[in-house]
């Protein structure tokens, strides 16, 4: 039991830990190879309540703590990082409605999403507006009793399978980030065009898409007042950075366990390779970084649960955990030698899956800028 966890948190994580190796692990390599969507796991995840773990009971969630949610993502990512990423995209969409919407909108969209009956996507990133959301060019112009939304989004997770997207668009193009508003858009209505899935290096079963929009939505699709979308998105991204940290912890834990086991089993010259000091130092450095990432993530969760602002802590956790995942998965592959480079073992998949973690939900460079600005305050 880690500092900051409760017996209830551990019970939830244990439930997911029993599900993941039985249901997710056996299909992970096949989904990666075929690039088929990990949404095939939705029924089982929904039955566990995973798809709504970010939501309170009032809006259909199971009522678990943020700690239990992150521990569950860790267990899922140990066996399929694609599935953890797909779930994270659902949380981005539903957190947008939870944070930015009113009770009528929450009642309309959240219970079905929490139950896994609907899937959401978070449409913020654009071809020329990723790291700086204020640069987005998608527009929402008043038209009758609603808005006409026009523009293009890029790398939108879940979009091809989603029932709804939370689309961030400029309602006042001259107001910078203060001119951004958020809208819930049903994907099945006319005017939403989703391209084929991107050909990704890693998390290949978590599909991402380019989306083109020329769609009319009613007034009650707007979340909050005009111009509040940027504020909503920033709060959502604080949450999401902890989701990414949890996914990174899961990848790192899986790679670390594989390396430690291999060092005890693999023999050279009649001795397990774990007897060699060079490899011992590698394993020690992996463990050190992994435990530091756990500590930063748990600190951010503590601030979140205390109702305190945790932008700095979320960025610290996301940055450290994502760079730790890169380090640990690479070293684990190295410890396995040539076997690690083959696709018979999951080490190369872990390394590929870990690579995106330093890019999405705010790149490592963006996290460093956030951390520096927060520190200077």
Protein backbone atom coordinates (compact mmCIF):
# COMPACT_ATOMS: atom_id res chain seq x y z
CA UNK A 1 0.00 0.00 0.00
CA UNK A 2 1.47 3.35 -1.08
CA UNK A 3 1.25 6.52 0.98
CA UNK A 4 -2.06 8.21 0.20
CA UNK A 5 -4.01 5.07 -0.66
CA UNK A 6 -6.89 3.55 1.26
CA UNK A 7 -8.16 -0.01 1.57
CA UNK A 8 -10.99 0.93 -0.78
CA UNK A 9 -8.53 2.27 -3.38
CA UNK A 10 -6.57 -0.97 -3.22
CA UNK A 11 -9.74 -3.06 -3.56
CA UNK A 12 -10.74 -1.20 -6.73
CA UNK A 13 -7.25 -1.55 -8.20
CA UNK A 14 -7.15 -5.25 -7.31
CA UNK A 15 -10.44 -5.79 -9.15
CA UNK A 16 -8.96 -4.20 -12.26
CA UNK A 17 -5.68 -6.08 -11.73
CA UNK A 18 -7.59 -9.37 -11.96
CA UNK A 19 -9.41 -8.28 -15.11
CA UNK A 20 -6.49 -6.83 -17.07
CA UNK A 21 -4.20 -9.89 -17.44
CA UNK A 22 -7.15 -12.11 -18.32
CA UNK A 23 -8.95 -9.83 -20.78
CA UNK A 24 -6.47 -7.21 -22.00
CA UNK A 25 -3.07 -8.89 -21.90
CA UNK A 26 -3.85 -11.84 -24.21
CA UNK A 27 -5.07 -9.51 -26.99
CA UNK A 28 -2.54 -6.69 -26.65
CA UNK A 29 0.04 -8.00 -29.13
CA UNK A 30 -2.62 -9.01 -31.64
CA UNK A 31 -4.30 -5.59 -31.51
CA UNK A 32 -0.94 -3.89 -31.87
CA UNK A 33 -0.01 -6.06 -34.85
CA UNK A 34 -3.37 -5.71 -36.63
CA UNK A 35 -3.94 -2.09 -35.56
CA UNK A 36 -7.52 -3.05 -34.69
CA UNK A 37 -9.29 -0.81 -32.20
CA UNK A 38 -9.08 -1.58 -28.49
CA UNK A 39 -12.73 -0.48 -28.19
CA UNK A 40 -13.41 -4.23 -28.35
CA UNK A 41 -12.71 -4.10 -24.60
CA UNK A 42 -15.47 -1.58 -23.89
CA UNK A 43 -18.09 -4.08 -22.61
CA UNK A 44 -15.77 -5.56 -20.00
CA UNK A 45 -14.40 -2.18 -18.94
CA UNK A 46 -17.92 -0.78 -18.69
CA UNK A 47 -19.01 -3.67 -16.50
CA UNK A 48 -16.19 -2.84 -14.08
CA UNK A 49 -17.19 0.83 -14.07
CA UNK A 50 -13.84 1.90 -15.52
CA UNK A 51 -15.30 4.12 -18.26
CA UNK A 52 -16.81 6.43 -15.64
CA UNK A 53 -14.23 6.29 -12.85
CA UNK A 54 -13.55 10.01 -13.27
CA UNK A 55 -17.20 10.84 -12.55
CA UNK A 56 -19.09 11.14 -9.26
CA UNK A 57 -22.01 8.87 -8.48
CA UNK A 58 -24.46 11.72 -9.11
CA UNK A 59 -23.60 11.54 -12.82
CA UNK A 60 -23.32 7.78 -13.23
CA UNK A 61 -19.80 7.14 -12.00
CA UNK A 62 -18.90 4.43 -9.49
CA UNK A 63 -17.88 7.02 -6.91
CA UNK A 64 -14.26 5.94 -6.56
CA UNK A 65 -11.46 8.30 -5.56
CA UNK A 66 -8.99 9.82 -8.04
CA UNK A 67 -6.34 7.59 -6.44
CA UNK A 68 -8.36 4.45 -7.22
CA UNK A 69 -8.87 5.69 -10.78
CA UNK A 70 -5.14 6.24 -11.36
CA UNK A 71 -4.22 2.91 -9.75
CA UNK A 72 -6.71 1.26 -12.12
CA UNK A 73 -5.11 2.95 -15.13
CA UNK A 74 -1.73 1.69 -13.93
CA UNK A 75 -3.04 -1.89 -13.89
CA UNK A 76 -4.61 -1.50 -17.34
CA UNK A 77 -1.47 0.05 -18.86
CA UNK A 78 0.66 -2.82 -17.55
CA UNK A 79 -1.16 -5.05 -20.02
CA UNK A 80 -2.37 -2.69 -22.77
CA UNK A 81 -1.31 0.94 -22.97
CA UNK A 82 -3.61 1.45 -25.95
CA UNK A 83 -6.62 0.64 -23.80
CA UNK A 84 -5.42 3.02 -21.09
CA UNK A 85 -5.06 5.74 -23.73
CA UNK A 86 -8.57 5.12 -25.08
CA UNK A 87 -9.97 5.41 -21.55
CA UNK A 88 -7.99 8.60 -20.99
CA UNK A 89 -9.59 10.15 -24.08
CA UNK A 90 -13.01 9.27 -22.68
CA UNK A 91 -12.08 11.02 -19.43
CA UNK A 92 -10.95 14.12 -21.34
CA UNK A 93 -14.37 14.38 -22.98
CA UNK A 94 -16.45 13.66 -19.90
CA UNK A 95 -14.31 15.85 -17.63
CA UNK A 96 -14.98 18.70 -20.09
CA UNK A 97 -18.71 18.26 -19.56
CA UNK A 98 -18.38 17.73 -15.82
CA UNK A 99 -16.25 20.85 -15.35
CA UNK A 100 -17.66 23.15 -18.04
CA UNK A 101 -21.28 22.07 -18.34
CA UNK A 102 -24.47 22.60 -16.37
CA UNK A 103 -26.58 19.97 -14.64
CA UNK A 104 -28.83 19.46 -17.66
CA UNK A 105 -25.82 18.76 -19.89
CA UNK A 106 -24.25 16.49 -17.29
CA UNK A 107 -27.50 14.51 -16.99
CA UNK A 108 -27.77 14.23 -20.76
CA UNK A 109 -24.26 13.03 -21.55
CA UNK A 110 -22.46 11.64 -18.53
CA UNK A 111 -24.50 8.64 -17.29
CA UNK A 112 -24.42 6.90 -20.69
CA UNK A 113 -20.69 7.60 -21.02
CA UNK A 114 -20.01 6.31 -17.51
CA UNK A 115 -21.93 3.12 -18.29
CA UNK A 116 -19.95 2.58 -21.50
CA UNK A 117 -23.01 3.03 -23.68
CA UNK A 118 -21.40 6.01 -25.39
CA UNK A 119 -17.80 6.96 -26.14
CA UNK A 120 -16.42 10.48 -26.22
CA UNK A 121 -13.49 12.35 -27.71
CA UNK A 122 -11.68 15.59 -26.87
CA UNK A 123 -11.25 17.79 -29.95
CA UNK A 124 -8.76 20.53 -29.07
CA UNK A 125 -5.62 19.87 -31.12
CA UNK A 126 -5.44 21.21 -34.68
CA UNK A 127 -2.96 20.84 -37.55
CA UNK A 128 -1.40 24.18 -36.55
CA UNK A 129 -2.55 24.43 -32.96
CA UNK A 130 -1.33 21.74 -30.61
CA UNK A 131 1.02 22.96 -27.90
CA UNK A 132 -0.65 26.38 -27.77
CA UNK A 133 -4.45 25.99 -27.70
CA UNK A 134 -4.87 29.75 -28.11
CA UNK A 135 -3.72 29.27 -31.72
CA UNK A 136 -6.74 27.18 -32.74
CA UNK A 137 -8.60 28.44 -35.79
CA UNK A 138 -11.80 26.37 -35.66
CA UNK A 139 -14.68 28.85 -35.44
CA UNK A 140 -18.14 28.76 -33.90
CA UNK A 141 -20.38 31.49 -35.33
CA UNK A 142 -23.91 32.22 -34.14
CA UNK A 143 -26.45 30.98 -36.65
CA UNK A 144 -30.11 31.09 -35.66
CA UNK A 145 -30.71 29.30 -32.35
CA UNK A 146 -27.26 27.76 -32.38
CA UNK A 147 -23.76 27.85 -33.83
CA UNK A 148 -22.11 26.87 -37.08
CA UNK A 149 -18.78 25.21 -36.24
CA UNK A 150 -16.20 25.05 -39.02
CA UNK A 151 -12.60 23.93 -38.94
CA UNK A 152 -10.25 20.96 -38.68
CA UNK A 153 -8.92 18.98 -35.75
CA UNK A 154 -5.95 16.61 -35.69
CA UNK A 155 -4.91 13.55 -33.67
CA UNK A 156 -8.31 13.24 -31.98
CA UNK A 157 -8.37 10.00 -30.02
CA UNK A 158 -11.55 7.90 -30.24
CA UNK A 159 -13.07 10.16 -32.92
CA UNK A 160 -13.79 7.33 -35.37
CA UNK A 161 -15.66 5.32 -32.75
CA UNK A 162 -16.98 8.20 -30.64
CA UNK A 163 -20.64 9.08 -30.20
CA UNK A 164 -19.77 12.65 -29.25
CA UNK A 165 -16.84 15.04 -29.34
CA UNK A 166 -16.19 18.00 -27.09
CA UNK A 167 -15.03 20.55 -29.66
CA UNK A 168 -13.10 23.66 -28.68
CA UNK A 169 -13.64 26.56 -31.09
CA UNK A 170 -13.20 30.32 -31.32
CA UNK A 171 -16.40 32.27 -30.71
CA UNK A 172 -14.36 35.50 -30.68
CA UNK A 173 -11.35 35.14 -33.02
CA UNK A 174 -9.83 38.42 -31.81
CA UNK A 175 -9.82 37.55 -28.11
CA UNK A 176 -7.04 34.95 -28.05
CA UNK A 177 -7.59 32.23 -25.45
CA UNK A 178 -10.44 34.28 -23.96
CA UNK A 179 -12.37 33.75 -27.17
CA UNK A 180 -12.45 29.94 -26.94
CA UNK A 181 -15.71 28.11 -26.16
CA UNK A 182 -16.51 24.41 -25.82
CA UNK A 183 -19.33 22.48 -27.50
CA UNK A 184 -20.65 18.93 -27.40
CA UNK A 185 -21.05 17.67 -30.96
CA UNK A 186 -22.73 14.40 -31.87
CA UNK A 187 -20.57 12.63 -34.43
CA UNK A 188 -23.42 10.93 -36.28
CA UNK A 189 -25.03 14.18 -37.35
CA UNK A 190 -24.14 15.59 -40.74
CA UNK A 191 -21.14 17.85 -40.97
CA UNK A 192 -18.62 15.77 -38.99
CA UNK A 193 -16.10 14.03 -41.25
CA UNK A 194 -13.61 11.64 -39.69
CA UNK A 195 -10.64 10.41 -41.73
CA UNK A 196 -9.01 6.99 -41.53
CA UNK A 197 -6.99 6.27 -38.37
CA UNK A 198 -3.49 7.67 -38.33
CA UNK A 199 -0.67 5.15 -38.81
CA UNK A 200 0.90 5.36 -35.39
CA UNK A 201 4.28 4.19 -34.08
CA UNK A 202 2.88 3.04 -30.75
CA UNK A 203 -0.44 2.64 -28.91
CA UNK A 204 -1.58 1.40 -32.30
CA UNK A 205 -4.91 0.07 -31.01
CA UNK A 206 -5.83 3.49 -29.61
CA UNK A 207 -6.92 5.18 -32.80
CA UNK A 208 -6.41 8.88 -33.51
CA UNK A 209 -8.05 10.76 -36.36
CA UNK A 210 -8.19 13.97 -38.35
CA UNK A 211 -11.66 15.51 -38.10
CA UNK A 212 -13.23 18.12 -40.39
CA UNK A 213 -16.18 20.11 -39.10
CA UNK A 214 -18.93 22.05 -40.85
CA UNK A 215 -21.74 21.40 -38.45
CA UNK A 216 -24.62 23.25 -36.81
CA UNK A 217 -25.25 22.71 -33.10
CA UNK A 218 -28.01 24.13 -30.87
CA UNK A 219 -27.30 26.65 -28.11
CA UNK A 220 -27.58 24.01 -25.41
CA UNK A 221 -24.56 22.24 -26.87
CA UNK A 222 -22.29 25.02 -25.61
CA UNK A 223 -20.60 24.23 -22.29
CA UNK A 224 -20.73 27.28 -20.05
CA UNK A 225 -20.64 30.87 -21.22
CA UNK A 226 -18.89 32.01 -24.36
CA UNK A 227 -15.17 32.44 -23.78
CA UNK A 228 -14.88 29.96 -20.90
CA UNK A 229 -13.61 27.05 -22.99
CA UNK A 230 -9.93 27.69 -22.44
CA UNK A 231 -10.36 27.72 -18.67
CA UNK A 232 -12.27 24.44 -18.88
CA UNK A 233 -9.64 22.87 -21.12
CA UNK A 234 -6.79 23.81 -18.77
CA UNK A 235 -8.56 22.22 -15.78
CA UNK A 236 -9.31 19.13 -17.85
CA UNK A 237 -5.68 18.86 -18.91
CA UNK A 238 -4.51 19.02 -15.29
CA UNK A 239 -6.62 15.91 -14.68
CA UNK A 240 -5.48 14.27 -17.89
CA UNK A 241 -1.80 14.72 -17.11
CA UNK A 242 -2.31 12.53 -14.07
CA UNK A 243 -4.05 9.97 -16.30
CA UNK A 244 -0.98 9.98 -18.55
CA UNK A 245 1.28 9.66 -15.51
CA UNK A 246 -0.71 6.58 -14.46
CA UNK A 247 -0.38 5.07 -17.91
CA UNK A 248 3.38 5.71 -17.81
CA UNK A 249 3.64 4.11 -14.39
CA UNK A 250 1.88 1.02 -15.72
CA UNK A 251 4.22 0.75 -18.69
CA UNK A 252 7.25 1.28 -16.45
CA UNK A 253 6.09 -1.28 -13.90
CA UNK A 254 5.55 -3.89 -16.61
CA UNK A 255 8.96 -3.26 -18.18
CA UNK A 256 10.72 -3.19 -14.81
CA UNK A 257 9.14 -6.49 -13.73
CA UNK A 258 10.16 -8.12 -17.00
CA UNK A 259 13.75 -6.88 -16.60
CA UNK A 260 14.03 -8.03 -12.98
CA UNK A 261 12.67 -11.48 -13.82
CA UNK A 262 14.98 -11.83 -16.81
CA UNK A 263 18.02 -10.89 -14.74
CA UNK A 264 17.26 -13.70 -12.35
CA UNK A 265 16.51 -16.30 -15.01
CA UNK A 266 19.02 -15.57 -17.79
CA UNK A 267 22.42 -17.16 -17.23
CA UNK A 268 25.79 -16.39 -18.79
CA UNK A 269 28.82 -18.46 -17.88
CA UNK A 270 26.83 -20.35 -15.29
CA UNK A 271 25.73 -17.20 -13.45
CA UNK A 272 22.46 -15.25 -13.62
CA UNK A 273 23.07 -11.95 -15.35
CA UNK A 274 21.68 -10.28 -12.23
CA UNK A 275 25.04 -11.02 -10.61
CA UNK A 276 26.73 -8.51 -12.92
CA UNK A 277 27.16 -5.10 -11.33
CA UNK A 278 26.63 -3.20 -14.58
CA UNK A 279 23.13 -4.62 -14.93
CA UNK A 280 22.43 -4.19 -11.23
CA UNK A 281 23.15 -0.48 -11.60
CA UNK A 282 20.77 -0.29 -14.56
CA UNK A 283 18.00 -1.94 -12.56
CA UNK A 284 18.67 0.33 -9.57
CA UNK A 285 18.40 3.45 -11.74
CA UNK A 286 15.13 2.15 -13.20
CA UNK A 287 13.72 1.57 -9.73
CA UNK A 288 14.87 4.96 -8.48
CA UNK A 289 13.16 6.85 -11.28
CA UNK A 290 10.03 4.72 -11.04
CA UNK A 291 9.62 5.37 -7.31
CA UNK A 292 10.21 9.11 -7.83
CA UNK A 293 7.45 9.13 -10.46
CA UNK A 294 5.12 7.38 -8.04
CA UNK A 295 5.88 9.99 -5.39
CA UNK A 296 5.20 12.94 -7.69
CA UNK A 297 1.97 11.37 -8.93
CA UNK A 298 0.70 10.65 -5.43
CA UNK A 299 1.55 14.21 -4.35
CA UNK A 300 -0.45 15.62 -7.26
CA UNK A 301 -3.36 13.35 -6.38
CA UNK A 302 -3.23 14.52 -2.77
CA UNK A 303 -3.47 18.15 -3.89
CA UNK A 304 -6.32 17.32 -6.25
CA UNK A 305 -8.29 15.52 -3.56
CA UNK A 306 -7.70 18.37 -1.11
CA UNK A 307 -9.31 20.77 -3.60
CA UNK A 308 -6.07 22.67 -4.08
CA UNK A 309 -4.70 23.90 -7.36
CA UNK A 310 -2.33 21.29 -8.73
CA UNK A 311 -1.21 22.52 -12.14
CA UNK A 312 2.43 22.44 -11.05
CA UNK A 313 2.16 19.03 -9.42
CA UNK A 314 0.33 17.56 -12.43
CA UNK A 315 3.02 18.83 -14.79
CA UNK A 316 5.79 17.51 -12.56
CA UNK A 317 4.14 14.09 -12.41
CA UNK A 318 3.42 13.91 -16.13
CA UNK A 319 6.90 15.06 -17.13
CA UNK A 320 8.77 12.77 -14.76
CA UNK A 321 6.58 9.72 -15.35
CA UNK A 322 6.69 10.03 -19.14
CA UNK A 323 10.47 10.43 -19.22
CA UNK A 324 10.79 7.60 -16.73
CA UNK A 325 8.69 5.37 -19.00
CA UNK A 326 11.09 6.11 -21.86
CA UNK A 327 14.11 5.34 -19.68
CA UNK A 328 12.73 2.19 -18.05
CA UNK A 329 11.33 0.62 -21.22
CA UNK A 330 14.59 1.28 -23.08
CA UNK A 331 16.73 -0.18 -20.30
CA UNK A 332 14.45 -3.19 -19.95
CA UNK A 333 14.81 -3.87 -23.67
CA UNK A 334 18.60 -3.50 -23.37
CA UNK A 335 18.72 -5.98 -20.48
CA UNK A 336 16.92 -8.52 -22.67
CA UNK A 337 19.51 -8.04 -25.42
CA UNK A 338 18.58 -9.35 -28.84
CA UNK A 339 15.47 -11.02 -27.46
CA UNK A 340 14.16 -7.64 -26.37
CA UNK A 341 14.42 -6.36 -29.93
CA UNK A 342 12.20 -9.13 -31.27
CA UNK A 343 8.43 -8.89 -31.49
CA UNK A 344 8.08 -12.21 -29.69
CA UNK A 345 8.42 -10.32 -26.41
CA UNK A 346 6.48 -7.18 -25.42
CA UNK A 347 9.57 -5.07 -24.68
CA UNK A 348 9.70 -3.38 -28.07
CA UNK A 349 5.96 -2.63 -27.83
CA UNK A 350 6.46 -1.07 -24.42
CA UNK A 351 9.19 1.16 -25.85
CA UNK A 352 7.03 2.19 -28.82
CA UNK A 353 3.99 2.82 -26.63
CA UNK A 354 6.03 4.92 -24.21
CA UNK A 355 7.23 7.29 -26.93
CA UNK A 356 3.96 9.21 -27.32
CA UNK A 357 3.77 9.92 -23.60
CA UNK A 358 6.36 12.71 -23.94
CA UNK A 359 4.25 14.38 -26.64
CA UNK A 360 0.52 14.25 -25.98
CA UNK A 361 -1.38 16.13 -23.26
CA UNK A 362 1.41 18.68 -23.34
CA UNK A 363 4.89 17.74 -24.54
CA UNK A 364 7.87 17.52 -22.21
CA UNK A 365 8.93 20.96 -23.41
CA UNK A 366 5.52 22.43 -22.57
CA UNK A 367 5.60 20.80 -19.13
CA UNK A 368 9.00 22.37 -18.45
CA UNK A 369 7.62 25.78 -19.43
CA UNK A 370 4.63 25.32 -17.12
CA UNK A 371 6.86 24.20 -14.26
CA UNK A 372 9.21 27.16 -14.73
CA UNK A 373 6.36 29.69 -14.84
CA UNK A 374 4.77 28.18 -11.73
CA UNK A 375 8.13 28.18 -9.93
CA UNK A 376 8.75 31.85 -10.75
CA UNK A 377 5.46 32.77 -9.08
